[in-house]
Amino acid sequence: MDDHAALKDIRKGGQKGYTALHQRYAITLHGYVISKYDIPIDDVEDILQRIFLKFFNTIDTFKQDCSVSTWLHGIAKSIAIDYWRVQANKPHTVSIDTDDGETGDNTVGTLLDEMSEDWSQKAQNDLDIQMCIERALAQLQRDGSKTSLLKCLNTLTFFAQGSSIQEIAKEFGKNPDTTRRYLLDCRTRLRQYQPIQRCREWLNGN
């Protein structure tokens, strides 16, 4: 069951769609909230439950102008930031005097607030650039005059999904060396595709 079919099933009140999306994205989100937001391992399962619960509760507002993965990662960002805001506001039992007269617990809370703000901005930038690139690629798929670039995109998609050079070569009837050179050329050509260039320029300006 692909993402589109899973969403359709969920909106009809089915459970199979929800199960399919959970199985597809739970492991990725598990690693994401640990590596990007330093969520303690003991709290990760609770965070994941909250992510999927919010996804389920907001699915009617999902207009599919981005991928399910991008939507879920946006929810994960919001919940992870809320998590650290709550942690920052919790009373701390250990108090350590500091040189400027502040207690250690106040210092910890201030640092967590600052970290939360930094993470919020970075995560928003990451999400914005990801959505920008997805819109650019969707535009490429609609543009019938860019068939060679679309072929490049399809080939790179195979690679991104874990296919080896040998497997891709076999799929497209090329030898491995030719396939390797083709992939490198495709990366260069896609970077030069104007809508993607605009995304990169936007990122460099932020």
N, C-alpha and C. Protein backbone atom coordinates (compact mmCIF):
# COMPACT_ATOMS: atom_id res chain seq x y z
N MET A 1 0.85 -1.20 0.00
CA MET A 1 0.00 0.00 0.00
C MET A 1 0.89 1.25 0.00
N ASP A 2 0.77 2.10 -1.05
CA ASP A 2 1.58 3.31 -1.08
C ASP A 2 0.93 4.39 -0.22
N ASP A 3 1.63 5.55 -0.11
CA ASP A 3 1.15 6.62 0.78
C ASP A 3 -0.23 7.12 0.38
N HIS A 4 -0.45 7.28 -0.92
CA HIS A 4 -1.74 7.80 -1.39
C HIS A 4 -2.88 6.86 -0.99
N ALA A 5 -2.66 5.56 -1.22
CA ALA A 5 -3.69 4.58 -0.86
C ALA A 5 -3.90 4.53 0.65
N ALA A 6 -2.80 4.68 1.40
CA ALA A 6 -2.90 4.67 2.86
C ALA A 6 -3.73 5.85 3.36
N LEU A 7 -3.49 7.03 2.80
CA LEU A 7 -4.26 8.22 3.19
C LEU A 7 -5.74 8.04 2.87
N LYS A 8 -6.00 7.49 1.70
CA LYS A 8 -7.39 7.25 1.30
C LYS A 8 -8.08 6.30 2.27
N ASP A 9 -7.36 5.25 2.69
CA ASP A 9 -7.92 4.27 3.63
C ASP A 9 -8.21 4.92 4.98
N ILE A 10 -7.27 5.74 5.46
CA ILE A 10 -7.45 6.40 6.76
C ILE A 10 -8.66 7.31 6.72
N ARG A 11 -8.80 8.06 5.64
CA ARG A 11 -9.91 9.00 5.54
C ARG A 11 -11.26 8.31 5.43
N LYS A 12 -11.24 7.04 5.04
CA LYS A 12 -12.47 6.24 5.03
C LYS A 12 -12.72 5.56 6.37
N GLY A 13 -11.82 5.79 7.33
CA GLY A 13 -11.97 5.19 8.65
C GLY A 13 -11.26 3.86 8.81
N GLY A 14 -10.42 3.50 7.84
CA GLY A 14 -9.70 2.23 7.92
C GLY A 14 -8.49 2.27 8.84
N GLN A 15 -8.01 1.12 9.21
CA GLN A 15 -6.84 1.00 10.08
C GLN A 15 -5.60 0.58 9.30
N LYS A 16 -5.79 -0.10 8.17
CA LYS A 16 -4.65 -0.61 7.40
C LYS A 16 -3.73 0.52 6.92
N GLY A 17 -4.33 1.64 6.52
CA GLY A 17 -3.54 2.77 6.04
C GLY A 17 -2.65 3.34 7.13
N TYR A 18 -3.24 3.48 8.32
CA TYR A 18 -2.47 4.01 9.46
C TYR A 18 -1.32 3.06 9.78
N THR A 19 -1.61 1.76 9.81
CA THR A 19 -0.58 0.77 10.11
C THR A 19 0.54 0.81 9.07
N ALA A 20 0.17 0.96 7.80
CA ALA A 20 1.17 1.00 6.73
C ALA A 20 2.10 2.20 6.88
N LEU A 21 1.52 3.37 7.17
CA LEU A 21 2.35 4.57 7.32
C LEU A 21 3.22 4.49 8.58
N HIS A 22 2.67 3.92 9.64
CA HIS A 22 3.45 3.78 10.87
C HIS A 22 4.65 2.86 10.63
N GLN A 23 4.42 1.75 9.97
CA GLN A 23 5.52 0.82 9.68
C GLN A 23 6.55 1.43 8.74
N ARG A 24 6.09 2.29 7.83
CA ARG A 24 6.99 2.88 6.84
C ARG A 24 7.86 3.98 7.43
N TYR A 25 7.32 4.77 8.38
CA TYR A 25 8.03 5.97 8.81
C TYR A 25 8.49 5.96 10.27
N ALA A 26 8.04 5.01 11.08
CA ALA A 26 8.37 5.05 12.51
C ALA A 26 9.87 4.98 12.76
N ILE A 27 10.57 4.08 12.07
CA ILE A 27 12.00 3.92 12.30
C ILE A 27 12.76 5.19 11.90
N THR A 28 12.39 5.77 10.76
CA THR A 28 13.04 7.01 10.31
C THR A 28 12.82 8.14 11.31
N LEU A 29 11.59 8.28 11.78
CA LEU A 29 11.28 9.35 12.75
C LEU A 29 11.97 9.10 14.08
N HIS A 30 12.10 7.84 14.46
CA HIS A 30 12.80 7.47 15.69
C HIS A 30 14.23 8.03 15.66
N GLY A 31 14.93 7.76 14.57
CA GLY A 31 16.30 8.26 14.44
C GLY A 31 16.35 9.77 14.30
N TYR A 32 15.34 10.34 13.63
CA TYR A 32 15.30 11.78 13.39
C TYR A 32 15.20 12.58 14.69
N VAL A 33 14.29 12.20 15.57
CA VAL A 33 14.11 12.99 16.80
C VAL A 33 15.29 12.83 17.75
N ILE A 34 16.00 11.70 17.65
CA ILE A 34 17.20 11.52 18.49
C ILE A 34 18.36 12.33 17.94
N SER A 35 18.62 12.19 16.64
CA SER A 35 19.81 12.83 16.06
C SER A 35 19.65 14.34 15.92
N LYS A 36 18.45 14.81 15.60
CA LYS A 36 18.26 16.23 15.34
C LYS A 36 17.87 17.02 16.59
N TYR A 37 17.15 16.38 17.50
CA TYR A 37 16.64 17.12 18.66
C TYR A 37 17.12 16.57 20.00
N ASP A 38 17.99 15.55 19.97
CA ASP A 38 18.55 14.99 21.21
C ASP A 38 17.47 14.54 22.19
N ILE A 39 16.38 14.00 21.67
CA ILE A 39 15.35 13.47 22.57
C ILE A 39 15.92 12.26 23.30
N PRO A 40 15.84 12.23 24.63
CA PRO A 40 16.35 11.07 25.38
C PRO A 40 15.66 9.78 24.94
N ILE A 41 16.42 8.71 24.87
CA ILE A 41 15.92 7.44 24.36
C ILE A 41 14.69 6.96 25.12
N ASP A 42 14.63 7.24 26.43
CA ASP A 42 13.49 6.80 27.24
C ASP A 42 12.19 7.50 26.86
N ASP A 43 12.30 8.65 26.21
CA ASP A 43 11.11 9.42 25.86
C ASP A 43 10.73 9.31 24.39
N VAL A 44 11.54 8.62 23.60
CA VAL A 44 11.32 8.60 22.16
C VAL A 44 9.99 7.94 21.78
N GLU A 45 9.66 6.82 22.42
CA GLU A 45 8.42 6.13 22.08
C GLU A 45 7.21 7.01 22.34
N ASP A 46 7.25 7.76 23.43
CA ASP A 46 6.15 8.68 23.73
C ASP A 46 6.07 9.77 22.66
N ILE A 47 7.22 10.27 22.25
CA ILE A 47 7.25 11.30 21.20
C ILE A 47 6.66 10.75 19.90
N LEU A 48 7.04 9.51 19.53
CA LEU A 48 6.52 8.90 18.30
C LEU A 48 5.00 8.75 18.36
N GLN A 49 4.49 8.33 19.51
CA GLN A 49 3.04 8.19 19.65
C GLN A 49 2.35 9.52 19.44
N ARG A 50 2.94 10.56 19.99
CA ARG A 50 2.35 11.90 19.85
C ARG A 50 2.40 12.39 18.40
N ILE A 51 3.50 12.06 17.70
CA ILE A 51 3.63 12.44 16.29
C ILE A 51 2.51 11.81 15.46
N PHE A 52 2.34 10.51 15.62
CA PHE A 52 1.33 9.81 14.80
C PHE A 52 -0.09 10.16 15.23
N LEU A 53 -0.28 10.43 16.51
CA LEU A 53 -1.60 10.85 16.97
C LEU A 53 -1.97 12.21 16.36
N LYS A 54 -1.00 13.14 16.37
CA LYS A 54 -1.26 14.46 15.78
C LYS A 54 -1.48 14.33 14.28
N PHE A 55 -0.70 13.46 13.63
CA PHE A 55 -0.88 13.23 12.19
C PHE A 55 -2.30 12.73 11.91
N PHE A 56 -2.75 11.77 12.71
CA PHE A 56 -4.08 11.19 12.53
C PHE A 56 -5.15 12.25 12.76
N ASN A 57 -4.95 13.09 13.77
CA ASN A 57 -5.96 14.09 14.12
C ASN A 57 -6.00 15.27 13.15
N THR A 58 -4.92 15.47 12.39
CA THR A 58 -4.87 16.61 11.47
C THR A 58 -4.90 16.17 10.00
N ILE A 59 -5.20 14.92 9.76
CA ILE A 59 -5.10 14.40 8.39
C ILE A 59 -6.06 15.11 7.44
N ASP A 60 -7.18 15.63 7.95
CA ASP A 60 -8.13 16.33 7.08
C ASP A 60 -7.56 17.65 6.57
N THR A 61 -6.55 18.20 7.26
CA THR A 61 -5.94 19.46 6.83
C THR A 61 -4.75 19.23 5.91
N PHE A 62 -4.37 17.96 5.72
CA PHE A 62 -3.23 17.63 4.86
C PHE A 62 -3.69 17.67 3.40
N LYS A 63 -3.24 18.68 2.67
CA LYS A 63 -3.69 18.90 1.29
C LYS A 63 -2.80 18.21 0.26
N GLN A 64 -1.79 17.48 0.74
CA GLN A 64 -0.89 16.72 -0.13
C GLN A 64 -0.10 17.61 -1.11
N ASP A 65 0.22 18.87 -0.65
CA ASP A 65 1.11 19.72 -1.44
C ASP A 65 2.57 19.45 -1.09
N CYS A 66 2.78 18.47 -0.21
CA CYS A 66 4.11 17.94 0.07
C CYS A 66 3.94 16.45 0.35
N SER A 67 5.04 15.74 0.53
CA SER A 67 4.96 14.30 0.77
C SER A 67 4.52 14.01 2.20
N VAL A 68 4.05 12.79 2.44
CA VAL A 68 3.70 12.36 3.79
C VAL A 68 4.94 12.46 4.70
N SER A 69 6.09 12.10 4.16
CA SER A 69 7.33 12.18 4.94
C SER A 69 7.59 13.59 5.43
N THR A 70 7.45 14.58 4.54
CA THR A 70 7.68 15.98 4.91
C THR A 70 6.67 16.42 5.97
N TRP A 71 5.43 16.04 5.79
CA TRP A 71 4.37 16.39 6.76
C TRP A 71 4.68 15.80 8.13
N LEU A 72 5.06 14.53 8.16
CA LEU A 72 5.37 13.88 9.44
C LEU A 72 6.59 14.52 10.10
N HIS A 73 7.60 14.86 9.31
CA HIS A 73 8.80 15.48 9.89
C HIS A 73 8.48 16.89 10.41
N GLY A 74 7.55 17.57 9.77
CA GLY A 74 7.11 18.86 10.29
C GLY A 74 6.41 18.72 11.63
N ILE A 75 5.57 17.71 11.76
CA ILE A 75 4.91 17.42 13.03
C ILE A 75 5.94 17.04 14.09
N ALA A 76 6.92 16.22 13.69
CA ALA A 76 7.97 15.81 14.62
C ALA A 76 8.74 17.02 15.15
N LYS A 77 9.03 17.94 14.26
CA LYS A 77 9.72 19.18 14.67
C LYS A 77 8.93 19.91 15.74
N SER A 78 7.64 20.10 15.49
CA SER A 78 6.79 20.83 16.42
C SER A 78 6.73 20.15 17.79
N ILE A 79 6.56 18.83 17.79
CA ILE A 79 6.43 18.10 19.04
C ILE A 79 7.76 18.05 19.79
N ALA A 80 8.87 17.92 19.07
CA ALA A 80 10.19 17.91 19.73
C ALA A 80 10.48 19.24 20.39
N ILE A 81 10.13 20.33 19.72
CA ILE A 81 10.36 21.66 20.30
C ILE A 81 9.48 21.86 21.53
N ASP A 82 8.21 21.42 21.44
CA ASP A 82 7.33 21.50 22.61
C ASP A 82 7.89 20.69 23.77
N TYR A 83 8.46 19.54 23.46
CA TYR A 83 9.06 18.68 24.49
C TYR A 83 10.12 19.44 25.27
N TRP A 84 11.03 20.12 24.55
CA TRP A 84 12.11 20.82 25.24
C TRP A 84 11.62 22.08 25.95
N ARG A 85 10.55 22.68 25.47
CA ARG A 85 9.98 23.82 26.18
C ARG A 85 9.42 23.37 27.53
N VAL A 86 8.76 22.21 27.50
CA VAL A 86 8.23 21.66 28.76
C VAL A 86 9.38 21.34 29.71
N GLN A 87 10.45 20.72 29.19
CA GLN A 87 11.59 20.39 30.03
C GLN A 87 12.21 21.64 30.63
N ALA A 88 12.26 22.72 29.85
CA ALA A 88 12.86 23.96 30.33
C ALA A 88 12.06 24.58 31.47
N ASN A 89 10.74 24.34 31.45
CA ASN A 89 9.87 24.94 32.47
C ASN A 89 9.67 24.06 33.70
N LYS A 90 10.22 22.85 33.66
CA LYS A 90 10.11 21.98 34.83
C LYS A 90 11.00 22.48 35.96
N PRO A 91 10.53 22.40 37.21
CA PRO A 91 11.40 22.79 38.32
C PRO A 91 12.55 21.81 38.46
N HIS A 92 13.75 22.32 38.76
CA HIS A 92 14.93 21.48 38.93
C HIS A 92 15.25 21.40 40.43
N THR A 93 15.53 20.21 40.88
CA THR A 93 15.75 20.01 42.30
C THR A 93 17.17 20.37 42.73
N VAL A 94 18.11 20.39 41.80
CA VAL A 94 19.50 20.69 42.15
C VAL A 94 19.78 22.15 41.84
N SER A 95 20.26 22.88 42.80
CA SER A 95 20.57 24.28 42.60
C SER A 95 22.04 24.51 42.86
N ILE A 96 22.71 25.11 41.87
CA ILE A 96 24.14 25.36 41.99
C ILE A 96 24.37 26.85 41.85
N ASP A 97 25.06 27.48 42.82
CA ASP A 97 25.32 28.90 42.73
C ASP A 97 26.30 29.19 41.61
N THR A 98 26.04 30.26 40.87
CA THR A 98 26.94 30.68 39.80
C THR A 98 27.54 32.02 40.14
N ASP A 99 28.55 32.44 39.41
CA ASP A 99 29.27 33.67 39.73
C ASP A 99 28.40 34.90 39.65
N ASP A 100 27.41 34.90 38.75
CA ASP A 100 26.59 36.11 38.59
C ASP A 100 25.37 36.11 39.48
N GLY A 101 25.29 35.16 40.40
CA GLY A 101 24.21 35.15 41.36
C GLY A 101 23.02 34.33 40.93
N GLU A 102 23.01 33.85 39.69
CA GLU A 102 21.92 32.98 39.24
C GLU A 102 22.09 31.60 39.81
N THR A 103 20.99 30.91 40.00
CA THR A 103 21.08 29.52 40.42
C THR A 103 21.20 28.63 39.20
N GLY A 104 21.72 27.43 39.40
CA GLY A 104 21.95 26.50 38.30
C GLY A 104 20.68 26.14 37.58
N ASP A 105 19.55 25.99 38.33
CA ASP A 105 18.34 25.57 37.66
C ASP A 105 17.83 26.64 36.71
N ASN A 106 17.97 27.92 37.09
CA ASN A 106 17.58 28.99 36.19
C ASN A 106 18.46 29.01 34.94
N THR A 107 19.74 28.75 35.14
CA THR A 107 20.67 28.73 34.01
C THR A 107 20.29 27.63 33.03
N VAL A 108 19.99 26.44 33.56
CA VAL A 108 19.59 25.33 32.71
C VAL A 108 18.34 25.69 31.92
N GLY A 109 17.35 26.27 32.59
CA GLY A 109 16.12 26.64 31.91
C GLY A 109 16.36 27.64 30.79
N THR A 110 17.23 28.62 31.05
CA THR A 110 17.55 29.63 30.04
C THR A 110 18.23 28.99 28.83
N LEU A 111 19.18 28.11 29.11
CA LEU A 111 19.89 27.44 28.02
C LEU A 111 18.93 26.61 27.17
N LEU A 112 18.01 25.90 27.83
CA LEU A 112 17.06 25.08 27.08
C LEU A 112 16.14 25.94 26.23
N ASP A 113 15.74 27.10 26.76
CA ASP A 113 14.92 28.02 25.98
C ASP A 113 15.66 28.48 24.73
N GLU A 114 16.95 28.82 24.90
CA GLU A 114 17.75 29.28 23.77
C GLU A 114 17.92 28.16 22.74
N MET A 115 18.18 26.95 23.23
CA MET A 115 18.35 25.81 22.34
C MET A 115 17.06 25.54 21.57
N SER A 116 15.94 25.66 22.27
CA SER A 116 14.65 25.42 21.63
C SER A 116 14.41 26.40 20.49
N GLU A 117 14.74 27.68 20.72
CA GLU A 117 14.57 28.69 19.68
C GLU A 117 15.47 28.42 18.49
N ASP A 118 16.73 28.05 18.77
CA ASP A 118 17.67 27.74 17.69
C ASP A 118 17.18 26.55 16.86
N TRP A 119 16.76 25.48 17.56
CA TRP A 119 16.26 24.29 16.86
C TRP A 119 15.03 24.61 16.04
N SER A 120 14.16 25.47 16.59
CA SER A 120 12.92 25.82 15.90
C SER A 120 13.23 26.48 14.56
N GLN A 121 14.16 27.43 14.55
CA GLN A 121 14.50 28.14 13.32
C GLN A 121 15.18 27.21 12.32
N LYS A 122 16.12 26.39 12.80
CA LYS A 122 16.84 25.48 11.91
C LYS A 122 15.88 24.46 11.31
N ALA A 123 15.01 23.90 12.16
CA ALA A 123 14.07 22.90 11.66
C ALA A 123 13.12 23.50 10.64
N GLN A 124 12.69 24.75 10.88
CA GLN A 124 11.79 25.41 9.93
C GLN A 124 12.49 25.62 8.59
N ASN A 125 13.77 26.03 8.65
CA ASN A 125 14.54 26.21 7.42
C ASN A 125 14.68 24.89 6.67
N ASP A 126 14.99 23.81 7.41
CA ASP A 126 15.12 22.49 6.79
C ASP A 126 13.83 22.08 6.11
N LEU A 127 12.70 22.29 6.80
CA LEU A 127 11.40 21.91 6.25
C LEU A 127 11.07 22.75 5.03
N ASP A 128 11.35 24.06 5.09
CA ASP A 128 11.05 24.95 3.97
C ASP A 128 11.84 24.56 2.73
N ILE A 129 13.14 24.27 2.89
CA ILE A 129 13.95 23.92 1.73
C ILE A 129 13.52 22.58 1.17
N GLN A 130 13.15 21.63 2.04
CA GLN A 130 12.69 20.33 1.57
C GLN A 130 11.41 20.48 0.75
N MET A 131 10.47 21.31 1.23
CA MET A 131 9.22 21.52 0.51
C MET A 131 9.47 22.27 -0.80
N CYS A 132 10.42 23.21 -0.78
CA CYS A 132 10.77 23.95 -2.00
C CYS A 132 11.28 22.99 -3.08
N ILE A 133 12.17 22.10 -2.69
CA ILE A 133 12.75 21.15 -3.65
C ILE A 133 11.68 20.18 -4.14
N GLU A 134 10.78 19.74 -3.24
CA GLU A 134 9.72 18.82 -3.67
C GLU A 134 8.80 19.50 -4.68
N ARG A 135 8.50 20.78 -4.47
CA ARG A 135 7.67 21.50 -5.44
C ARG A 135 8.39 21.63 -6.79
N ALA A 136 9.72 21.87 -6.73
CA ALA A 136 10.50 21.97 -7.96
C ALA A 136 10.50 20.65 -8.72
N LEU A 137 10.65 19.55 -7.99
CA LEU A 137 10.65 18.24 -8.64
C LEU A 137 9.27 17.90 -9.20
N ALA A 138 8.22 18.31 -8.47
CA ALA A 138 6.86 18.09 -8.99
C ALA A 138 6.65 18.88 -10.27
N GLN A 139 7.20 20.10 -10.32
CA GLN A 139 7.11 20.91 -11.53
C GLN A 139 7.84 20.24 -12.69
N LEU A 140 9.00 19.66 -12.38
CA LEU A 140 9.76 18.93 -13.40
C LEU A 140 8.96 17.77 -13.96
N GLN A 141 8.26 17.05 -13.08
CA GLN A 141 7.48 15.89 -13.53
C GLN A 141 6.31 16.31 -14.42
N ARG A 142 5.81 17.54 -14.21
CA ARG A 142 4.69 18.03 -15.04
C ARG A 142 5.17 18.60 -16.37
N ASP A 143 6.45 18.95 -16.45
CA ASP A 143 6.99 19.61 -17.63
C ASP A 143 7.40 18.57 -18.68
N GLY A 144 6.58 18.40 -19.70
CA GLY A 144 6.85 17.39 -20.71
C GLY A 144 8.07 17.66 -21.57
N SER A 145 8.58 18.90 -21.55
CA SER A 145 9.73 19.24 -22.39
C SER A 145 11.06 18.86 -21.74
N LYS A 146 11.02 18.39 -20.50
CA LYS A 146 12.25 18.07 -19.78
C LYS A 146 12.37 16.55 -19.57
N THR A 147 12.16 15.79 -20.64
CA THR A 147 12.15 14.33 -20.49
C THR A 147 13.50 13.79 -20.04
N SER A 148 14.60 14.38 -20.50
CA SER A 148 15.91 13.87 -20.12
C SER A 148 16.19 14.12 -18.64
N LEU A 149 15.75 15.29 -18.14
CA LEU A 149 15.91 15.59 -16.72
C LEU A 149 15.03 14.68 -15.87
N LEU A 150 13.84 14.41 -16.37
CA LEU A 150 12.93 13.51 -15.64
C LEU A 150 13.52 12.11 -15.55
N LYS A 151 14.17 11.66 -16.63
CA LYS A 151 14.84 10.37 -16.59
C LYS A 151 15.97 10.38 -15.56
N CYS A 152 16.68 11.51 -15.50
CA CYS A 152 17.73 11.67 -14.48
C CYS A 152 17.13 11.53 -13.07
N LEU A 153 16.00 12.22 -12.86
CA LEU A 153 15.35 12.18 -11.55
C LEU A 153 14.94 10.76 -11.19
N ASN A 154 14.37 10.04 -12.14
CA ASN A 154 13.94 8.66 -11.87
C ASN A 154 15.14 7.77 -11.53
N THR A 155 16.25 7.98 -12.24
CA THR A 155 17.45 7.17 -11.97
C THR A 155 18.01 7.47 -10.59
N LEU A 156 18.08 8.76 -10.23
CA LEU A 156 18.58 9.14 -8.91
C LEU A 156 17.65 8.65 -7.80
N THR A 157 16.36 8.57 -8.10
CA THR A 157 15.41 8.05 -7.12
C THR A 157 15.72 6.59 -6.79
N PHE A 158 16.03 5.80 -7.82
CA PHE A 158 16.43 4.41 -7.59
C PHE A 158 17.64 4.37 -6.64
N PHE A 159 18.61 5.23 -6.89
CA PHE A 159 19.83 5.26 -6.09
C PHE A 159 19.52 5.68 -4.65
N ALA A 160 18.68 6.72 -4.50
CA ALA A 160 18.33 7.22 -3.17
C ALA A 160 17.57 6.19 -2.36
N GLN A 161 16.84 5.30 -3.04
CA GLN A 161 16.05 4.28 -2.35
C GLN A 161 16.88 3.04 -2.00
N GLY A 162 18.19 3.09 -2.29
CA GLY A 162 19.08 2.02 -1.85
C GLY A 162 19.54 1.06 -2.92
N SER A 163 19.14 1.29 -4.17
CA SER A 163 19.61 0.41 -5.25
C SER A 163 21.10 0.64 -5.48
N SER A 164 21.82 -0.43 -5.77
CA SER A 164 23.25 -0.32 -6.05
C SER A 164 23.48 0.14 -7.48
N ILE A 165 24.72 0.56 -7.76
CA ILE A 165 25.08 0.94 -9.12
C ILE A 165 24.83 -0.23 -10.08
N GLN A 166 25.19 -1.43 -9.63
CA GLN A 166 25.01 -2.62 -10.48
C GLN A 166 23.53 -2.87 -10.77
N GLU A 167 22.68 -2.71 -9.76
CA GLU A 167 21.24 -2.92 -9.94
C GLU A 167 20.64 -1.89 -10.89
N ILE A 168 21.08 -0.64 -10.75
CA ILE A 168 20.58 0.42 -11.63
C ILE A 168 21.04 0.19 -13.07
N ALA A 169 22.32 -0.22 -13.20
CA ALA A 169 22.86 -0.50 -14.53
C ALA A 169 22.04 -1.58 -15.22
N LYS A 170 21.71 -2.61 -14.48
CA LYS A 170 20.93 -3.70 -15.05
C LYS A 170 19.53 -3.23 -15.43
N GLU A 171 18.94 -2.41 -14.56
CA GLU A 171 17.58 -1.90 -14.80
C GLU A 171 17.51 -1.07 -16.08
N PHE A 172 18.55 -0.26 -16.34
CA PHE A 172 18.52 0.64 -17.49
C PHE A 172 19.37 0.16 -18.67
N GLY A 173 19.91 -1.06 -18.55
CA GLY A 173 20.65 -1.64 -19.66
C GLY A 173 21.97 -0.97 -19.95
N LYS A 174 22.66 -0.52 -18.89
CA LYS A 174 23.96 0.12 -19.04
C LYS A 174 24.99 -0.65 -18.24
N ASN A 175 26.30 -0.40 -18.50
CA ASN A 175 27.31 -1.02 -17.66
C ASN A 175 27.55 -0.14 -16.43
N PRO A 176 28.13 -0.67 -15.36
CA PRO A 176 28.28 0.07 -14.10
C PRO A 176 29.05 1.38 -14.24
N ASP A 177 30.15 1.40 -15.02
CA ASP A 177 30.93 2.62 -15.16
C ASP A 177 30.12 3.72 -15.83
N THR A 178 29.40 3.35 -16.88
CA THR A 178 28.55 4.33 -17.57
C THR A 178 27.46 4.85 -16.64
N THR A 179 26.89 3.95 -15.85
CA THR A 179 25.83 4.33 -14.91
C THR A 179 26.36 5.29 -13.85
N ARG A 180 27.57 5.02 -13.35
CA ARG A 180 28.16 5.88 -12.33
C ARG A 180 28.38 7.29 -12.88
N ARG A 181 28.90 7.38 -14.10
CA ARG A 181 29.11 8.69 -14.73
C ARG A 181 27.78 9.40 -14.99
N TYR A 182 26.79 8.62 -15.38
CA TYR A 182 25.46 9.17 -15.65
C TYR A 182 24.83 9.77 -14.39
N LEU A 183 24.98 9.08 -13.27
CA LEU A 183 24.44 9.58 -12.00
C LEU A 183 25.11 10.90 -11.60
N LEU A 184 26.43 10.97 -11.77
CA LEU A 184 27.16 12.21 -11.45
C LEU A 184 26.68 13.35 -12.34
N ASP A 185 26.50 13.05 -13.63
CA ASP A 185 26.02 14.06 -14.57
C ASP A 185 24.60 14.49 -14.22
N CYS A 186 23.77 13.54 -13.79
CA CYS A 186 22.39 13.86 -13.41
C CYS A 186 22.34 14.80 -12.21
N ARG A 187 23.19 14.54 -11.22
CA ARG A 187 23.23 15.43 -10.05
C ARG A 187 23.56 16.86 -10.47
N THR A 188 24.54 16.99 -11.35
CA THR A 188 24.95 18.32 -11.82
C THR A 188 23.81 19.00 -12.58
N ARG A 189 23.16 18.25 -13.47
CA ARG A 189 22.09 18.83 -14.28
C ARG A 189 20.88 19.22 -13.45
N LEU A 190 20.54 18.42 -12.45
CA LEU A 190 19.40 18.76 -11.60
C LEU A 190 19.70 19.99 -10.74
N ARG A 191 20.95 20.11 -10.28
CA ARG A 191 21.32 21.31 -9.52
C ARG A 191 21.17 22.57 -10.37
N GLN A 192 21.36 22.42 -11.68
CA GLN A 192 21.27 23.58 -12.57
C GLN A 192 19.84 23.85 -13.05
N TYR A 193 18.90 22.96 -12.72
CA TYR A 193 17.49 23.16 -13.07
C TYR A 193 17.00 24.38 -12.30
N GLN A 194 16.45 25.37 -13.01
CA GLN A 194 16.21 26.68 -12.42
C GLN A 194 15.36 26.67 -11.15
N PRO A 195 14.23 25.95 -11.10
CA PRO A 195 13.46 25.94 -9.85
C PRO A 195 14.27 25.41 -8.66
N ILE A 196 15.14 24.42 -8.89
CA ILE A 196 15.97 23.91 -7.79
C ILE A 196 17.05 24.92 -7.44
N GLN A 197 17.58 25.62 -8.45
CA GLN A 197 18.55 26.67 -8.18
C GLN A 197 17.97 27.73 -7.26
N ARG A 198 16.70 28.07 -7.50
CA ARG A 198 16.06 29.09 -6.66
C ARG A 198 15.96 28.62 -5.20
N CYS A 199 15.71 27.31 -5.01
CA CYS A 199 15.68 26.76 -3.65
C CYS A 199 17.05 26.90 -2.99
N ARG A 200 18.10 26.58 -3.73
CA ARG A 200 19.45 26.66 -3.19
C ARG A 200 19.83 28.11 -2.88
N GLU A 201 19.42 29.04 -3.75
CA GLU A 201 19.69 30.46 -3.51
C GLU A 201 18.95 30.94 -2.27
N TRP A 202 17.71 30.46 -2.11
CA TRP A 202 16.93 30.83 -0.92
C TRP A 202 17.62 30.32 0.34
N LEU A 203 18.12 29.08 0.30
CA LEU A 203 18.80 28.50 1.45
C LEU A 203 20.05 29.28 1.78
N ASN A 204 20.83 29.66 0.77
CA ASN A 204 22.06 30.41 1.02
C ASN A 204 21.80 31.80 1.56
N GLY A 205 20.59 32.30 1.30
CA GLY A 205 20.25 33.63 1.79
C GLY A 205 19.69 33.63 3.18
N ASN A 206 19.52 32.43 3.78
CA ASN A 206 18.95 32.34 5.13
C ASN A 206 20.00 31.89 6.12
